[in-house]
């Protein structure tokens, strides 16, 4: 995550097998209010170029008004391609917004 003014630049990554396709969701998230504050960006059906290598989703940007102190971060979720609900989750360090 990189912040420039009120714009957040987000990037998601996963490591995996070249034979497995995944969907990656990244969004700007208010961890104080436990709610997404940007539309989700989904990279669908991606896979790394080789076994054990990394596939990237993004970069994408999101703009959100400042709240006066709520903690915000970038949340990344993933699932096997088209497999229902997103399962795994990882969040960046939070910043006061």
C-alpha atoms as a PDB file:
ATOM      1  CA  UNK A   1       0.000   0.000   0.000  1.00  0.00           C
ATOM      2  CA  UNK A   2       1.202   3.484  -0.867  1.00  0.00           C
ATOM      3  CA  UNK A   3      -0.676   6.655   0.072  1.00  0.00           C
ATOM      4  CA  UNK A   4      -0.474   9.891  -1.929  1.00  0.00           C
ATOM      5  CA  UNK A   5      -2.838  12.518  -0.510  1.00  0.00           C
ATOM      6  CA  UNK A   6      -6.267  10.863  -0.278  1.00  0.00           C
ATOM      7  CA  UNK A   7      -5.421   8.238  -2.922  1.00  0.00           C
ATOM      8  CA  UNK A   8      -4.357   4.728  -1.965  1.00  0.00           C
ATOM      9  CA  UNK A   9      -2.378   2.561  -4.395  1.00  0.00           C
ATOM     10  CA  UNK A  10      -2.981  -1.144  -3.793  1.00  0.00           C
ATOM     11  CA  UNK A  11      -1.323  -4.322  -5.012  1.00  0.00           C
ATOM     12  CA  UNK A  12      -2.168  -7.957  -4.257  1.00  0.00           C
ATOM     13  CA  UNK A  13       0.070 -10.996  -4.708  1.00  0.00           C
ATOM     14  CA  UNK A  14      -0.145 -14.722  -4.197  1.00  0.00           C
ATOM     15  CA  UNK A  15       2.381 -17.519  -4.619  1.00  0.00           C
ATOM     16  CA  UNK A  16       1.232 -20.846  -5.957  1.00  0.00           C
ATOM     17  CA  UNK A  17       1.213 -23.528  -8.566  1.00  0.00           C
ATOM     18  CA  UNK A  18       1.035 -22.692 -12.261  1.00  0.00           C
ATOM     19  CA  UNK A  19      -1.694 -25.307 -12.711  1.00  0.00           C
ATOM     20  CA  UNK A  20      -4.086 -23.681 -10.196  1.00  0.00           C
ATOM     21  CA  UNK A  21      -6.192 -20.672 -11.162  1.00  0.00           C
ATOM     22  CA  UNK A  22      -7.187 -18.261  -8.404  1.00  0.00           C
ATOM     23  CA  UNK A  23      -9.308 -15.154  -7.935  1.00  0.00           C
ATOM     24  CA  UNK A  24      -7.723 -12.315  -5.937  1.00  0.00           C
ATOM     25  CA  UNK A  25      -9.793  -9.530  -4.331  1.00  0.00           C
ATOM     26  CA  UNK A  26      -8.184  -6.338  -3.018  1.00  0.00           C
ATOM     27  CA  UNK A  27      -9.969  -3.434  -1.321  1.00  0.00           C
ATOM     28  CA  UNK A  28      -9.348  -0.445   0.935  1.00  0.00           C
ATOM     29  CA  UNK A  29     -10.746  -1.441   4.329  1.00  0.00           C
ATOM     30  CA  UNK A  30     -11.776   0.458   7.489  1.00  0.00           C
ATOM     31  CA  UNK A  31     -10.617  -1.918  10.220  1.00  0.00           C
ATOM     32  CA  UNK A  32     -12.078   0.319  12.958  1.00  0.00           C
ATOM     33  CA  UNK A  33     -15.562   0.101  11.448  1.00  0.00           C
ATOM     34  CA  UNK A  34     -15.010  -3.386   9.950  1.00  0.00           C
ATOM     35  CA  UNK A  35     -16.251  -2.284   6.526  1.00  0.00           C
ATOM     36  CA  UNK A  36     -14.835  -1.894   3.017  1.00  0.00           C
ATOM     37  CA  UNK A  37     -14.488   1.755   1.955  1.00  0.00           C
ATOM     38  CA  UNK A  38     -13.694   1.093  -1.706  1.00  0.00           C
ATOM     39  CA  UNK A  39     -15.206  -1.063  -4.363  1.00  0.00           C
ATOM     40  CA  UNK A  40     -13.514  -4.454  -4.521  1.00  0.00           C
ATOM     41  CA  UNK A  41     -11.084  -5.052  -7.362  1.00  0.00           C
ATOM     42  CA  UNK A  42     -11.009  -8.684  -8.497  1.00  0.00           C
ATOM     43  CA  UNK A  43      -8.384 -10.311 -10.679  1.00  0.00           C
ATOM     44  CA  UNK A  44     -10.169 -13.467 -11.848  1.00  0.00           C
ATOM     45  CA  UNK A  45      -8.619 -16.730 -12.978  1.00  0.00           C
ATOM     46  CA  UNK A  46      -4.976 -15.775 -12.495  1.00  0.00           C
ATOM     47  CA  UNK A  47      -2.070 -18.144 -11.949  1.00  0.00           C
ATOM     48  CA  UNK A  48       1.674 -17.693 -11.520  1.00  0.00           C
ATOM     49  CA  UNK A  49       3.862 -18.277 -14.566  1.00  0.00           C
ATOM     50  CA  UNK A  50       5.706 -21.135 -12.863  1.00  0.00           C
ATOM     51  CA  UNK A  51       5.358 -23.356  -9.800  1.00  0.00           C
ATOM     52  CA  UNK A  52       6.252 -21.444  -6.641  1.00  0.00           C
ATOM     53  CA  UNK A  53       6.316 -18.080  -8.373  1.00  0.00           C
ATOM     54  CA  UNK A  54       4.119 -15.032  -7.692  1.00  0.00           C
ATOM     55  CA  UNK A  55       1.157 -13.612  -9.606  1.00  0.00           C
ATOM     56  CA  UNK A  56       0.241  -9.940  -9.066  1.00  0.00           C
ATOM     57  CA  UNK A  57      -3.163  -8.230  -9.000  1.00  0.00           C
ATOM     58  CA  UNK A  58      -2.972  -4.499  -9.622  1.00  0.00           C
ATOM     59  CA  UNK A  59      -1.817  -1.938  -9.061  1.00  0.00           C
ATOM     60  CA  UNK A  60      -5.209  -0.282  -8.513  1.00  0.00           C
ATOM     61  CA  UNK A  61      -6.120   2.970  -6.798  1.00  0.00           C
ATOM     62  CA  UNK A  62      -8.883   3.958  -4.392  1.00  0.00           C
ATOM     63  CA  UNK A  63      -9.856   7.350  -3.024  1.00  0.00           C
ATOM     64  CA  UNK A  64     -11.570   7.715   0.339  1.00  0.00           C
ATOM     65  CA  UNK A  65     -12.253  10.785   2.472  1.00  0.00           C
ATOM     66  CA  UNK A  66     -10.298  11.127   5.692  1.00  0.00           C
ATOM     67  CA  UNK A  67     -12.212  10.124   8.838  1.00  0.00           C
ATOM     68  CA  UNK A  68     -10.165  11.769  11.545  1.00  0.00           C
ATOM     69  CA  UNK A  69      -8.500   8.673  12.929  1.00  0.00           C
ATOM     70  CA  UNK A  70     -10.161   5.403  11.885  1.00  0.00           C
ATOM     71  CA  UNK A  71      -7.582   2.741  11.119  1.00  0.00           C
ATOM     72  CA  UNK A  72      -7.542   1.721   7.466  1.00  0.00           C
ATOM     73  CA  UNK A  73      -5.587  -0.863   5.507  1.00  0.00           C
ATOM     74  CA  UNK A  74      -5.589  -2.854   2.307  1.00  0.00           C
ATOM     75  CA  UNK A  75      -7.296  -6.228   2.581  1.00  0.00           C
ATOM     76  CA  UNK A  76      -6.521  -9.037   0.159  1.00  0.00           C
ATOM     77  CA  UNK A  77      -8.664 -12.155  -0.080  1.00  0.00           C
ATOM     78  CA  UNK A  78      -8.358 -15.152  -2.397  1.00  0.00           C
ATOM     79  CA  UNK A  79     -10.112 -18.317  -3.505  1.00  0.00           C
ATOM     80  CA  UNK A  80      -9.757 -21.045  -6.084  1.00  0.00           C
ATOM     81  CA  UNK A  81     -11.177 -19.557  -9.317  1.00  0.00           C
ATOM     82  CA  UNK A  82     -14.969 -19.329  -9.265  1.00  0.00           C
ATOM     83  CA  UNK A  83     -15.184 -21.442  -6.087  1.00  0.00           C
ATOM     84  CA  UNK A  84     -17.819 -19.484  -4.128  1.00  0.00           C
ATOM     85  CA  UNK A  85     -16.980 -17.260  -1.170  1.00  0.00           C
ATOM     86  CA  UNK A  86     -13.502 -15.786  -0.746  1.00  0.00           C
ATOM     87  CA  UNK A  87     -11.619 -17.650   1.978  1.00  0.00           C
ATOM     88  CA  UNK A  88      -8.085 -16.625   2.871  1.00  0.00           C
ATOM     89  CA  UNK A  89      -7.401 -13.075   3.995  1.00  0.00           C
ATOM     90  CA  UNK A  90      -4.394 -10.881   4.607  1.00  0.00           C
ATOM     91  CA  UNK A  91      -4.285  -7.232   5.697  1.00  0.00           C
ATOM     92  CA  UNK A  92      -1.560  -4.628   5.327  1.00  0.00           C
ATOM     93  CA  UNK A  93      -0.412  -2.630   8.359  1.00  0.00           C
ATOM     94  CA  UNK A  94      -3.078  -0.080   9.350  1.00  0.00           C
ATOM     95  CA  UNK A  95      -2.729   3.677   9.056  1.00  0.00           C
ATOM     96  CA  UNK A  96      -4.846   6.313  10.854  1.00  0.00           C
ATOM     97  CA  UNK A  97      -7.173   7.885   8.303  1.00  0.00           C
END
